[in-house]
Amino acid sequence: MTYHHFYQEGNPTRPVFLLLHGTGGTEKDLIPLAKMIDENASILSVRGNVSENGMNRYFRRLSEGVFDLEDLEKRTHELATFITEAATEYHFKPDQIVVLGYSNGANIAASMLYFFKDIFQGALLHHPMVPFRDREMMAQEGLHIFVGAGVNDPICPPDETKDLIKRLEQAKSKVTTYWGTAGHSLTQEELQAAKSWYEEQFGI
C-alpha cells in the first residue's frame, strides 16, 4: 500500500477511525484523541506522503493557505484508493469509517467529500478550510459532521470555516460546530465537544 500507516483492530461492531494529522505530524499524533473518543474503535492512522521542507503533508500547497489544486485532486484520489486497499487488507467495511482530521488532514478529508459519496460514516474536521471553490461537492445527505474551529485562528480564518460549513450543508450533510478561542490549537474543550458529538451519533 502507498502510505506509511498504523492499524489497530478494535471491536468489529464499532467504527474505524481514519486519522489524518496536521502539517508536520505523523501517524502517531491523533491516536490518543481517537482512544479518548472511543477506546473500542479500530484505528487506521495515515502519514502524509508529501514533504514540505521536511514536514509531512497530504498534498502540496503554493503558499500558506493557497493549495496546489491539481495536486490536491490527485492526492485525494490516491488516499481514497488506499482506504479501499486497507479495508481489504484489514478486513473492515469501508462504510465503517469515521474520519478524524486536523488542519491539513481535515482539508484532504473535506476534499474527499467533493469526489466521493458515502465514503465516510461520519467526520470530525478540526480547523478545516475550503478545498475547492470552483467545484461542487457531492451530495452527502445524512452525513453527520463535527467541525471544530477557532474564532481567532490565524491559519484557518473563521470565514473559511463558515464557507465550508455552508457548502457542507448545501450538500445536505448535518453539521455541528464548535467555536473556540485558542487560535489553531486543539484544546481540551474542543476535544470534549468532539467526544460528546461522537457519543450522540454513534453511542459507546
N, C-alpha and C. Protein backbone atom coordinates (compact mmCIF):
# COMPACT_ATOMS: atom_id res chain seq x y z
N MET A 1 0.84 -1.20 0.00
CA MET A 1 0.00 0.00 0.00
C MET A 1 0.88 1.25 0.00
N THR A 2 0.31 2.37 -0.43
CA THR A 2 1.12 3.53 -0.80
C THR A 2 1.43 4.49 0.34
N TYR A 3 0.85 4.29 1.51
CA TYR A 3 1.06 5.20 2.64
C TYR A 3 1.66 4.46 3.83
N HIS A 4 2.61 5.12 4.49
CA HIS A 4 3.06 4.62 5.79
C HIS A 4 1.89 4.83 6.75
N HIS A 5 1.54 3.79 7.50
CA HIS A 5 0.34 3.90 8.32
C HIS A 5 0.43 2.97 9.52
N PHE A 6 -0.51 3.16 10.42
CA PHE A 6 -0.65 2.33 11.61
C PHE A 6 -2.09 1.81 11.65
N TYR A 7 -2.25 0.53 11.91
CA TYR A 7 -3.59 -0.02 12.05
C TYR A 7 -3.69 -0.79 13.35
N GLN A 8 -4.76 -0.56 14.08
CA GLN A 8 -5.04 -1.30 15.30
C GLN A 8 -6.51 -1.73 15.26
N GLU A 9 -6.72 -3.03 15.33
CA GLU A 9 -8.07 -3.56 15.29
C GLU A 9 -8.77 -3.38 16.63
N GLY A 10 -10.00 -2.93 16.57
CA GLY A 10 -10.82 -2.79 17.76
C GLY A 10 -12.03 -3.70 17.68
N ASN A 11 -13.07 -3.31 18.36
CA ASN A 11 -14.33 -4.06 18.32
C ASN A 11 -14.91 -3.95 16.90
N PRO A 12 -15.15 -5.07 16.23
CA PRO A 12 -15.62 -5.01 14.84
C PRO A 12 -16.99 -4.38 14.67
N THR A 13 -17.73 -4.22 15.77
CA THR A 13 -19.05 -3.58 15.67
C THR A 13 -18.95 -2.06 15.80
N ARG A 14 -17.76 -1.55 16.14
CA ARG A 14 -17.56 -0.11 16.31
C ARG A 14 -17.01 0.50 15.02
N PRO A 15 -17.05 1.82 14.89
CA PRO A 15 -16.47 2.45 13.71
C PRO A 15 -14.96 2.23 13.61
N VAL A 16 -14.43 2.52 12.43
CA VAL A 16 -13.00 2.54 12.19
C VAL A 16 -12.59 4.00 12.01
N PHE A 17 -11.74 4.50 12.91
CA PHE A 17 -11.25 5.87 12.79
C PHE A 17 -10.18 5.94 11.70
N LEU A 18 -10.37 6.83 10.75
CA LEU A 18 -9.32 7.20 9.80
C LEU A 18 -8.71 8.49 10.32
N LEU A 19 -7.45 8.42 10.76
CA LEU A 19 -6.79 9.57 11.39
C LEU A 19 -5.86 10.25 10.39
N LEU A 20 -6.04 11.57 10.24
CA LEU A 20 -5.27 12.36 9.28
C LEU A 20 -4.69 13.57 10.02
N HIS A 21 -3.40 13.59 10.20
CA HIS A 21 -2.71 14.58 11.03
C HIS A 21 -2.58 15.94 10.34
N GLY A 22 -2.09 16.91 11.09
CA GLY A 22 -1.81 18.23 10.54
C GLY A 22 -0.42 18.31 9.96
N THR A 23 -0.09 19.45 9.35
CA THR A 23 1.22 19.65 8.74
C THR A 23 2.34 19.40 9.75
N GLY A 24 3.29 18.58 9.34
CA GLY A 24 4.42 18.28 10.20
C GLY A 24 4.18 17.15 11.18
N GLY A 25 2.98 16.57 11.13
CA GLY A 25 2.64 15.50 12.06
C GLY A 25 3.04 14.13 11.55
N THR A 26 2.66 13.13 12.31
CA THR A 26 2.88 11.74 11.92
C THR A 26 1.62 10.95 12.21
N GLU A 27 1.67 9.68 11.87
CA GLU A 27 0.52 8.80 12.11
C GLU A 27 0.28 8.55 13.59
N LYS A 28 1.18 9.00 14.46
CA LYS A 28 1.01 8.80 15.90
C LYS A 28 0.22 9.92 16.59
N ASP A 29 0.13 11.06 15.94
CA ASP A 29 -0.36 12.27 16.60
C ASP A 29 -1.78 12.16 17.17
N LEU A 30 -2.68 11.63 16.39
CA LEU A 30 -4.10 11.68 16.76
C LEU A 30 -4.60 10.41 17.43
N ILE A 31 -3.72 9.44 17.62
CA ILE A 31 -4.14 8.19 18.25
C ILE A 31 -4.69 8.42 19.66
N PRO A 32 -4.03 9.23 20.51
CA PRO A 32 -4.60 9.47 21.85
C PRO A 32 -5.99 10.09 21.79
N LEU A 33 -6.22 10.97 20.83
CA LEU A 33 -7.53 11.60 20.68
C LEU A 33 -8.58 10.56 20.29
N ALA A 34 -8.23 9.69 19.34
CA ALA A 34 -9.17 8.65 18.92
C ALA A 34 -9.52 7.74 20.08
N LYS A 35 -8.53 7.37 20.88
CA LYS A 35 -8.77 6.48 22.02
C LYS A 35 -9.61 7.17 23.09
N MET A 36 -9.44 8.48 23.24
CA MET A 36 -10.24 9.23 24.20
C MET A 36 -11.71 9.25 23.76
N ILE A 37 -11.93 9.37 22.46
CA ILE A 37 -13.29 9.45 21.95
C ILE A 37 -13.98 8.09 21.99
N ASP A 38 -13.28 7.05 21.56
CA ASP A 38 -13.86 5.70 21.54
C ASP A 38 -12.73 4.68 21.65
N GLU A 39 -12.50 4.19 22.84
CA GLU A 39 -11.38 3.28 23.07
C GLU A 39 -11.58 1.92 22.40
N ASN A 40 -12.80 1.63 21.97
CA ASN A 40 -13.07 0.34 21.35
C ASN A 40 -13.10 0.38 19.83
N ALA A 41 -12.94 1.55 19.24
CA ALA A 41 -12.93 1.66 17.79
C ALA A 41 -11.61 1.16 17.22
N SER A 42 -11.65 0.68 15.99
CA SER A 42 -10.41 0.38 15.27
C SER A 42 -9.78 1.69 14.81
N ILE A 43 -8.48 1.65 14.52
CA ILE A 43 -7.75 2.85 14.12
C ILE A 43 -6.94 2.56 12.86
N LEU A 44 -7.13 3.39 11.85
CA LEU A 44 -6.28 3.41 10.66
C LEU A 44 -5.71 4.82 10.58
N SER A 45 -4.44 4.96 10.96
CA SER A 45 -3.82 6.27 11.01
C SER A 45 -2.77 6.37 9.91
N VAL A 46 -2.87 7.42 9.10
CA VAL A 46 -2.11 7.51 7.85
C VAL A 46 -1.15 8.70 7.89
N ARG A 47 0.09 8.45 7.53
CA ARG A 47 1.08 9.53 7.44
C ARG A 47 1.04 10.17 6.05
N GLY A 48 0.99 11.48 6.00
CA GLY A 48 1.04 12.17 4.72
C GLY A 48 2.33 11.86 3.98
N ASN A 49 2.24 11.66 2.67
CA ASN A 49 3.42 11.25 1.91
C ASN A 49 3.97 12.36 1.02
N VAL A 50 3.61 13.62 1.33
CA VAL A 50 4.20 14.78 0.68
C VAL A 50 5.07 15.50 1.71
N SER A 51 6.27 15.88 1.30
CA SER A 51 7.19 16.56 2.23
C SER A 51 7.31 18.03 1.84
N GLU A 52 7.09 18.90 2.82
CA GLU A 52 7.28 20.33 2.64
C GLU A 52 8.36 20.79 3.62
N ASN A 53 9.56 20.97 3.13
CA ASN A 53 10.69 21.32 3.99
C ASN A 53 10.83 20.35 5.16
N GLY A 54 10.65 19.07 4.85
CA GLY A 54 10.80 18.03 5.86
C GLY A 54 9.55 17.76 6.68
N MET A 55 8.47 18.51 6.43
CA MET A 55 7.22 18.34 7.18
C MET A 55 6.24 17.49 6.36
N ASN A 56 5.64 16.50 7.03
CA ASN A 56 4.68 15.63 6.36
C ASN A 56 3.38 16.37 6.09
N ARG A 57 2.89 16.22 4.84
CA ARG A 57 1.59 16.76 4.45
C ARG A 57 0.92 15.74 3.52
N TYR A 58 -0.38 15.98 3.27
CA TYR A 58 -1.12 15.09 2.37
C TYR A 58 -1.17 15.61 0.94
N PHE A 59 -0.88 16.90 0.75
CA PHE A 59 -0.85 17.46 -0.60
C PHE A 59 0.00 18.73 -0.57
N ARG A 60 0.40 19.16 -1.75
CA ARG A 60 1.25 20.34 -1.84
C ARG A 60 0.43 21.62 -1.73
N ARG A 61 1.10 22.68 -1.33
CA ARG A 61 0.49 24.00 -1.36
C ARG A 61 1.47 24.97 -2.01
N LEU A 62 0.95 26.04 -2.56
CA LEU A 62 1.77 27.03 -3.24
C LEU A 62 2.32 28.06 -2.26
N SER A 63 1.55 28.32 -1.21
CA SER A 63 1.96 29.21 -0.12
C SER A 63 0.98 28.97 1.02
N GLU A 64 1.18 29.65 2.14
CA GLU A 64 0.29 29.49 3.29
C GLU A 64 -1.15 29.78 2.88
N GLY A 65 -2.01 28.76 3.01
CA GLY A 65 -3.42 28.94 2.70
C GLY A 65 -3.77 28.85 1.23
N VAL A 66 -2.77 28.61 0.36
CA VAL A 66 -3.03 28.52 -1.09
C VAL A 66 -2.67 27.11 -1.55
N PHE A 67 -3.68 26.32 -1.88
CA PHE A 67 -3.47 24.91 -2.20
C PHE A 67 -3.08 24.73 -3.67
N ASP A 68 -2.25 23.73 -3.92
CA ASP A 68 -1.99 23.26 -5.27
C ASP A 68 -3.16 22.35 -5.64
N LEU A 69 -4.15 22.89 -6.34
CA LEU A 69 -5.42 22.19 -6.54
C LEU A 69 -5.26 20.93 -7.40
N GLU A 70 -4.38 20.99 -8.36
CA GLU A 70 -4.14 19.80 -9.19
C GLU A 70 -3.56 18.68 -8.34
N ASP A 71 -2.61 19.02 -7.48
CA ASP A 71 -2.02 18.01 -6.61
C ASP A 71 -3.03 17.52 -5.58
N LEU A 72 -3.84 18.43 -5.06
CA LEU A 72 -4.86 18.05 -4.08
C LEU A 72 -5.83 17.03 -4.67
N GLU A 73 -6.28 17.25 -5.89
CA GLU A 73 -7.20 16.30 -6.52
C GLU A 73 -6.52 14.94 -6.70
N LYS A 74 -5.29 14.95 -7.17
CA LYS A 74 -4.55 13.70 -7.36
C LYS A 74 -4.38 12.95 -6.04
N ARG A 75 -3.96 13.66 -5.01
CA ARG A 75 -3.71 13.01 -3.71
C ARG A 75 -5.01 12.54 -3.06
N THR A 76 -6.08 13.26 -3.30
CA THR A 76 -7.38 12.85 -2.76
C THR A 76 -7.78 11.49 -3.31
N HIS A 77 -7.60 11.30 -4.61
CA HIS A 77 -7.94 10.01 -5.21
C HIS A 77 -6.97 8.91 -4.76
N GLU A 78 -5.71 9.26 -4.56
CA GLU A 78 -4.74 8.28 -4.06
C GLU A 78 -5.14 7.80 -2.67
N LEU A 79 -5.58 8.74 -1.82
CA LEU A 79 -5.97 8.37 -0.46
C LEU A 79 -7.22 7.50 -0.47
N ALA A 80 -8.17 7.82 -1.34
CA ALA A 80 -9.38 7.01 -1.45
C ALA A 80 -9.03 5.58 -1.89
N THR A 81 -8.10 5.45 -2.82
CA THR A 81 -7.66 4.12 -3.26
C THR A 81 -7.01 3.36 -2.10
N PHE A 82 -6.20 4.06 -1.33
CA PHE A 82 -5.55 3.44 -0.18
C PHE A 82 -6.58 2.93 0.83
N ILE A 83 -7.62 3.71 1.07
CA ILE A 83 -8.66 3.30 2.03
C ILE A 83 -9.31 1.99 1.57
N THR A 84 -9.59 1.90 0.28
CA THR A 84 -10.18 0.67 -0.25
C THR A 84 -9.23 -0.51 -0.07
N GLU A 85 -7.94 -0.29 -0.33
CA GLU A 85 -6.95 -1.35 -0.16
C GLU A 85 -6.84 -1.75 1.31
N ALA A 86 -6.85 -0.76 2.20
CA ALA A 86 -6.74 -1.04 3.64
C ALA A 86 -7.93 -1.83 4.15
N ALA A 87 -9.12 -1.51 3.64
CA ALA A 87 -10.32 -2.24 4.05
C ALA A 87 -10.20 -3.72 3.69
N THR A 88 -9.64 -3.99 2.53
CA THR A 88 -9.43 -5.38 2.12
C THR A 88 -8.35 -6.04 2.97
N GLU A 89 -7.25 -5.33 3.17
CA GLU A 89 -6.11 -5.87 3.93
C GLU A 89 -6.48 -6.17 5.37
N TYR A 90 -7.24 -5.29 6.00
CA TYR A 90 -7.51 -5.40 7.43
C TYR A 90 -8.94 -5.88 7.73
N HIS A 91 -9.67 -6.21 6.71
CA HIS A 91 -10.98 -6.87 6.87
C HIS A 91 -12.00 -6.02 7.62
N PHE A 92 -12.13 -4.77 7.20
CA PHE A 92 -13.24 -3.96 7.69
C PHE A 92 -14.01 -3.43 6.50
N LYS A 93 -15.21 -2.95 6.75
CA LYS A 93 -16.05 -2.43 5.68
C LYS A 93 -15.79 -0.93 5.52
N PRO A 94 -15.63 -0.47 4.28
CA PRO A 94 -15.39 0.96 4.07
C PRO A 94 -16.46 1.85 4.70
N ASP A 95 -17.70 1.34 4.79
CA ASP A 95 -18.76 2.18 5.35
C ASP A 95 -18.71 2.27 6.87
N GLN A 96 -17.68 1.68 7.48
CA GLN A 96 -17.48 1.81 8.93
C GLN A 96 -16.63 3.02 9.29
N ILE A 97 -16.07 3.71 8.30
CA ILE A 97 -15.05 4.71 8.56
C ILE A 97 -15.65 6.02 9.08
N VAL A 98 -15.10 6.49 10.18
CA VAL A 98 -15.31 7.85 10.67
C VAL A 98 -13.96 8.56 10.57
N VAL A 99 -13.89 9.58 9.75
CA VAL A 99 -12.62 10.29 9.56
C VAL A 99 -12.45 11.34 10.65
N LEU A 100 -11.23 11.44 11.16
CA LEU A 100 -10.87 12.45 12.15
C LEU A 100 -9.62 13.15 11.62
N GLY A 101 -9.79 14.38 11.17
CA GLY A 101 -8.68 15.10 10.57
C GLY A 101 -8.45 16.44 11.24
N TYR A 102 -7.19 16.83 11.28
CA TYR A 102 -6.80 18.12 11.87
C TYR A 102 -6.03 18.93 10.84
N SER A 103 -6.47 20.15 10.59
CA SER A 103 -5.76 21.09 9.74
C SER A 103 -5.54 20.50 8.34
N ASN A 104 -4.32 20.23 7.94
CA ASN A 104 -4.06 19.65 6.62
C ASN A 104 -4.82 18.35 6.42
N GLY A 105 -4.90 17.54 7.48
CA GLY A 105 -5.65 16.29 7.40
C GLY A 105 -7.14 16.53 7.25
N ALA A 106 -7.67 17.55 7.92
CA ALA A 106 -9.08 17.89 7.76
C ALA A 106 -9.37 18.40 6.36
N ASN A 107 -8.40 19.09 5.77
CA ASN A 107 -8.59 19.63 4.43
C ASN A 107 -8.69 18.54 3.38
N ILE A 108 -7.84 17.52 3.47
CA ILE A 108 -7.95 16.45 2.47
C ILE A 108 -9.18 15.59 2.74
N ALA A 109 -9.59 15.48 4.00
CA ALA A 109 -10.84 14.78 4.31
C ALA A 109 -12.02 15.52 3.67
N ALA A 110 -12.04 16.84 3.80
CA ALA A 110 -13.10 17.64 3.18
C ALA A 110 -13.03 17.52 1.66
N SER A 111 -11.82 17.46 1.12
CA SER A 111 -11.66 17.30 -0.33
C SER A 111 -12.31 16.02 -0.82
N MET A 112 -12.22 14.96 -0.05
CA MET A 112 -12.80 13.68 -0.45
C MET A 112 -14.31 13.78 -0.62
N LEU A 113 -14.94 14.69 0.12
CA LEU A 113 -16.39 14.84 0.01
C LEU A 113 -16.80 15.47 -1.31
N TYR A 114 -15.86 16.10 -2.00
CA TYR A 114 -16.16 16.68 -3.31
C TYR A 114 -16.21 15.61 -4.40
N PHE A 115 -15.55 14.49 -4.17
CA PHE A 115 -15.39 13.48 -5.22
C PHE A 115 -16.12 12.16 -4.94
N PHE A 116 -16.43 11.89 -3.67
CA PHE A 116 -16.96 10.58 -3.31
C PHE A 116 -18.20 10.72 -2.42
N LYS A 117 -19.23 9.99 -2.79
CA LYS A 117 -20.46 9.97 -1.99
C LYS A 117 -20.41 8.78 -1.04
N ASP A 118 -20.83 8.98 0.18
CA ASP A 118 -20.92 7.91 1.18
C ASP A 118 -19.58 7.26 1.48
N ILE A 119 -18.50 8.03 1.40
CA ILE A 119 -17.17 7.45 1.69
C ILE A 119 -16.93 7.36 3.19
N PHE A 120 -17.65 8.18 3.97
CA PHE A 120 -17.49 8.17 5.43
C PHE A 120 -18.83 7.93 6.10
N GLN A 121 -18.76 7.27 7.27
CA GLN A 121 -19.93 7.12 8.13
C GLN A 121 -20.15 8.40 8.93
N GLY A 122 -19.08 9.11 9.20
CA GLY A 122 -19.13 10.37 9.93
C GLY A 122 -17.79 11.06 9.78
N ALA A 123 -17.72 12.33 10.19
CA ALA A 123 -16.47 13.08 10.03
C ALA A 123 -16.30 14.07 11.16
N LEU A 124 -15.07 14.11 11.70
CA LEU A 124 -14.68 15.14 12.65
C LEU A 124 -13.57 15.94 11.98
N LEU A 125 -13.87 17.18 11.65
CA LEU A 125 -12.94 18.05 10.93
C LEU A 125 -12.51 19.18 11.86
N HIS A 126 -11.26 19.15 12.26
CA HIS A 126 -10.74 20.18 13.18
C HIS A 126 -9.93 21.20 12.40
N HIS A 127 -10.43 22.43 12.38
CA HIS A 127 -9.78 23.58 11.75
C HIS A 127 -9.53 23.35 10.25
N PRO A 128 -10.63 23.07 9.52
CA PRO A 128 -10.52 22.87 8.07
C PRO A 128 -10.71 24.17 7.28
N MET A 129 -10.28 24.12 6.02
CA MET A 129 -10.51 25.19 5.07
C MET A 129 -11.32 24.64 3.89
N VAL A 130 -11.72 25.52 2.98
CA VAL A 130 -12.43 25.11 1.77
C VAL A 130 -11.42 24.57 0.78
N PRO A 131 -11.52 23.30 0.37
CA PRO A 131 -10.54 22.76 -0.58
C PRO A 131 -10.68 23.34 -1.98
N PHE A 132 -11.91 23.40 -2.47
CA PHE A 132 -12.16 23.84 -3.85
C PHE A 132 -13.28 24.87 -3.86
N ARG A 133 -13.09 25.94 -4.60
CA ARG A 133 -14.13 26.96 -4.72
C ARG A 133 -14.84 26.91 -6.06
N ASP A 134 -14.29 26.22 -7.03
CA ASP A 134 -14.89 26.17 -8.37
C ASP A 134 -15.43 24.77 -8.68
N ARG A 135 -15.71 24.01 -7.64
CA ARG A 135 -16.19 22.64 -7.82
C ARG A 135 -17.33 22.39 -6.83
N GLU A 136 -18.34 21.67 -7.29
CA GLU A 136 -19.48 21.37 -6.42
C GLU A 136 -19.23 20.09 -5.65
N MET A 137 -19.57 20.11 -4.37
CA MET A 137 -19.41 18.93 -3.53
C MET A 137 -20.44 17.88 -3.89
N MET A 138 -20.05 16.60 -3.78
CA MET A 138 -21.00 15.52 -3.98
C MET A 138 -22.10 15.61 -2.92
N ALA A 139 -23.28 15.12 -3.26
CA ALA A 139 -24.35 15.07 -2.28
C ALA A 139 -23.93 14.17 -1.12
N GLN A 140 -24.07 14.66 0.10
CA GLN A 140 -23.69 13.92 1.30
C GLN A 140 -24.87 13.87 2.26
N GLU A 141 -26.02 13.52 1.72
CA GLU A 141 -27.26 13.56 2.50
C GLU A 141 -27.19 12.63 3.71
N GLY A 142 -27.45 13.21 4.87
CA GLY A 142 -27.47 12.42 6.10
C GLY A 142 -26.12 12.24 6.77
N LEU A 143 -25.05 12.71 6.14
CA LEU A 143 -23.72 12.57 6.75
C LEU A 143 -23.60 13.53 7.93
N HIS A 144 -23.26 13.00 9.10
CA HIS A 144 -23.08 13.83 10.29
C HIS A 144 -21.62 14.24 10.39
N ILE A 145 -21.42 15.56 10.55
CA ILE A 145 -20.07 16.12 10.57
C ILE A 145 -19.91 17.05 11.77
N PHE A 146 -18.80 16.88 12.48
CA PHE A 146 -18.41 17.82 13.55
C PHE A 146 -17.29 18.69 13.01
N VAL A 147 -17.44 19.99 13.16
CA VAL A 147 -16.39 20.93 12.75
C VAL A 147 -15.92 21.70 13.97
N GLY A 148 -14.63 21.60 14.28
CA GLY A 148 -14.03 22.38 15.34
C GLY A 148 -13.23 23.53 14.75
N ALA A 149 -13.39 24.74 15.30
CA ALA A 149 -12.75 25.91 14.70
C ALA A 149 -12.40 26.93 15.77
N GLY A 150 -11.61 27.92 15.38
CA GLY A 150 -11.22 28.99 16.29
C GLY A 150 -11.67 30.34 15.77
N VAL A 151 -12.29 31.11 16.63
CA VAL A 151 -12.75 32.45 16.21
C VAL A 151 -11.57 33.37 15.91
N ASN A 152 -10.39 33.00 16.41
CA ASN A 152 -9.19 33.82 16.20
C ASN A 152 -8.07 32.98 15.59
N ASP A 153 -8.44 32.01 14.74
CA ASP A 153 -7.46 31.12 14.13
C ASP A 153 -6.71 31.86 13.02
N PRO A 154 -5.38 32.07 13.14
CA PRO A 154 -4.65 32.81 12.13
C PRO A 154 -4.32 31.99 10.88
N ILE A 155 -4.39 30.67 10.99
CA ILE A 155 -4.06 29.79 9.87
C ILE A 155 -5.30 29.41 9.08
N CYS A 156 -6.38 29.19 9.80
CA CYS A 156 -7.67 28.87 9.18
C CYS A 156 -8.67 29.95 9.59
N PRO A 157 -8.77 31.04 8.84
CA PRO A 157 -9.64 32.15 9.23
C PRO A 157 -11.09 31.70 9.40
N PRO A 158 -11.81 32.29 10.34
CA PRO A 158 -13.20 31.89 10.58
C PRO A 158 -14.07 31.90 9.33
N ASP A 159 -13.86 32.86 8.45
CA ASP A 159 -14.67 32.92 7.23
C ASP A 159 -14.48 31.68 6.37
N GLU A 160 -13.27 31.10 6.40
CA GLU A 160 -13.02 29.87 5.67
C GLU A 160 -13.88 28.74 6.22
N THR A 161 -13.91 28.63 7.54
CA THR A 161 -14.70 27.58 8.17
C THR A 161 -16.18 27.78 7.90
N LYS A 162 -16.65 29.01 8.01
CA LYS A 162 -18.06 29.29 7.77
C LYS A 162 -18.44 28.97 6.32
N ASP A 163 -17.54 29.26 5.39
CA ASP A 163 -17.80 28.95 3.98
C ASP A 163 -17.88 27.44 3.77
N LEU A 164 -16.97 26.70 4.40
CA LEU A 164 -17.01 25.24 4.26
C LEU A 164 -18.29 24.67 4.87
N ILE A 165 -18.68 25.17 6.04
CA ILE A 165 -19.91 24.70 6.68
C ILE A 165 -21.10 24.93 5.75
N LYS A 166 -21.15 26.10 5.13
CA LYS A 166 -22.23 26.40 4.18
C LYS A 166 -22.26 25.39 3.05
N ARG A 167 -21.09 25.06 2.51
CA ARG A 167 -21.01 24.10 1.40
C ARG A 167 -21.40 22.69 1.86
N LEU A 168 -21.00 22.32 3.07
CA LEU A 168 -21.38 21.02 3.61
C LEU A 168 -22.89 20.92 3.78
N GLU A 169 -23.49 21.98 4.27
CA GLU A 169 -24.94 21.99 4.47
C GLU A 169 -25.68 22.00 3.14
N GLN A 170 -25.13 22.70 2.15
CA GLN A 170 -25.75 22.69 0.82
C GLN A 170 -25.71 21.29 0.21
N ALA A 171 -24.71 20.49 0.61
CA ALA A 171 -24.61 19.10 0.15
C ALA A 171 -25.47 18.16 0.99
N LYS A 172 -26.27 18.74 1.90
CA LYS A 172 -27.25 18.01 2.70
C LYS A 172 -26.65 17.23 3.87
N SER A 173 -25.41 17.54 4.25
CA SER A 173 -24.86 16.93 5.45
C SER A 173 -25.37 17.69 6.67
N LYS A 174 -25.22 17.07 7.84
CA LYS A 174 -25.70 17.65 9.08
C LYS A 174 -24.50 18.05 9.93
N VAL A 175 -24.29 19.34 10.08
CA VAL A 175 -23.06 19.87 10.66
C VAL A 175 -23.30 20.39 12.07
N THR A 176 -22.43 19.98 12.99
CA THR A 176 -22.37 20.53 14.34
C THR A 176 -21.03 21.25 14.47
N THR A 177 -21.05 22.47 14.97
CA THR A 177 -19.84 23.29 15.00
C THR A 177 -19.48 23.69 16.42
N TYR A 178 -18.19 23.63 16.71
CA TYR A 178 -17.66 24.14 17.98
C TYR A 178 -16.69 25.28 17.66
N TRP A 179 -16.90 26.44 18.30
CA TRP A 179 -16.00 27.59 18.13
C TRP A 179 -15.24 27.83 19.43
N GLY A 180 -13.91 27.79 19.35
CA GLY A 180 -13.06 28.07 20.49
C GLY A 180 -12.32 29.37 20.33
N THR A 181 -11.48 29.69 21.30
CA THR A 181 -10.74 30.97 21.30
C THR A 181 -9.24 30.77 21.39
N ALA A 182 -8.76 29.57 21.02
CA ALA A 182 -7.33 29.25 21.18
C ALA A 182 -6.60 29.20 19.84
N GLY A 183 -7.06 30.00 18.88
CA GLY A 183 -6.38 30.04 17.60
C GLY A 183 -6.48 28.72 16.86
N HIS A 184 -5.34 28.22 16.38
CA HIS A 184 -5.31 26.99 15.59
C HIS A 184 -5.09 25.75 16.46
N SER A 185 -5.01 25.95 17.77
CA SER A 185 -4.69 24.85 18.67
C SER A 185 -5.92 23.98 18.95
N LEU A 186 -5.65 22.70 19.23
CA LEU A 186 -6.69 21.80 19.71
C LEU A 186 -6.72 21.88 21.23
N THR A 187 -7.85 22.27 21.78
CA THR A 187 -7.97 22.40 23.23
C THR A 187 -8.77 21.23 23.80
N GLN A 188 -8.69 21.06 25.11
CA GLN A 188 -9.48 20.03 25.77
C GLN A 188 -10.97 20.29 25.59
N GLU A 189 -11.36 21.55 25.56
CA GLU A 189 -12.77 21.89 25.38
C GLU A 189 -13.26 21.45 24.00
N GLU A 190 -12.44 21.69 22.99
CA GLU A 190 -12.82 21.27 21.64
C GLU A 190 -12.89 19.75 21.53
N LEU A 191 -11.91 19.09 22.14
CA LEU A 191 -11.89 17.63 22.09
C LEU A 191 -13.07 17.03 22.84
N GLN A 192 -13.45 17.64 23.95
CA GLN A 192 -14.59 17.14 24.70
C GLN A 192 -15.88 17.35 23.91
N ALA A 193 -15.97 18.47 23.20
CA ALA A 193 -17.13 18.71 22.35
C ALA A 193 -17.20 17.67 21.24
N ALA A 194 -16.04 17.31 20.69
CA ALA A 194 -15.99 16.28 19.65
C ALA A 194 -16.43 14.93 20.21
N LYS A 195 -15.97 14.62 21.40
CA LYS A 195 -16.34 13.35 22.04
C LYS A 195 -17.84 13.29 22.31
N SER A 196 -18.40 14.38 22.80
CA SER A 196 -19.84 14.42 23.10
C SER A 196 -20.65 14.24 21.82
N TRP A 197 -20.20 14.91 20.76
CA TRP A 197 -20.88 14.75 19.45
C TRP A 197 -20.82 13.30 18.98
N TYR A 198 -19.66 12.70 19.09
CA TYR A 198 -19.47 11.32 18.63
C TYR A 198 -20.36 10.37 19.42
N GLU A 199 -20.41 10.54 20.72
CA GLU A 199 -21.24 9.66 21.55
C GLU A 199 -22.71 9.79 21.18
N GLU A 200 -23.13 11.00 20.87
CA GLU A 200 -24.52 11.21 20.47
C GLU A 200 -24.84 10.53 19.15
N GLN A 201 -23.87 10.54 18.23
CA GLN A 201 -24.11 9.98 16.89
C GLN A 201 -23.93 8.46 16.87
N PHE A 202 -22.94 7.96 17.59
CA PHE A 202 -22.54 6.56 17.43
C PHE A 202 -22.64 5.73 18.70
N GLY A 203 -22.97 6.39 19.83
CA GLY A 203 -23.08 5.64 21.08
C GLY A 203 -21.74 5.10 21.54
N ILE A 204 -21.69 4.56 22.74
CA ILE A 204 -20.45 3.97 23.28
C ILE A 204 -20.81 2.61 23.87
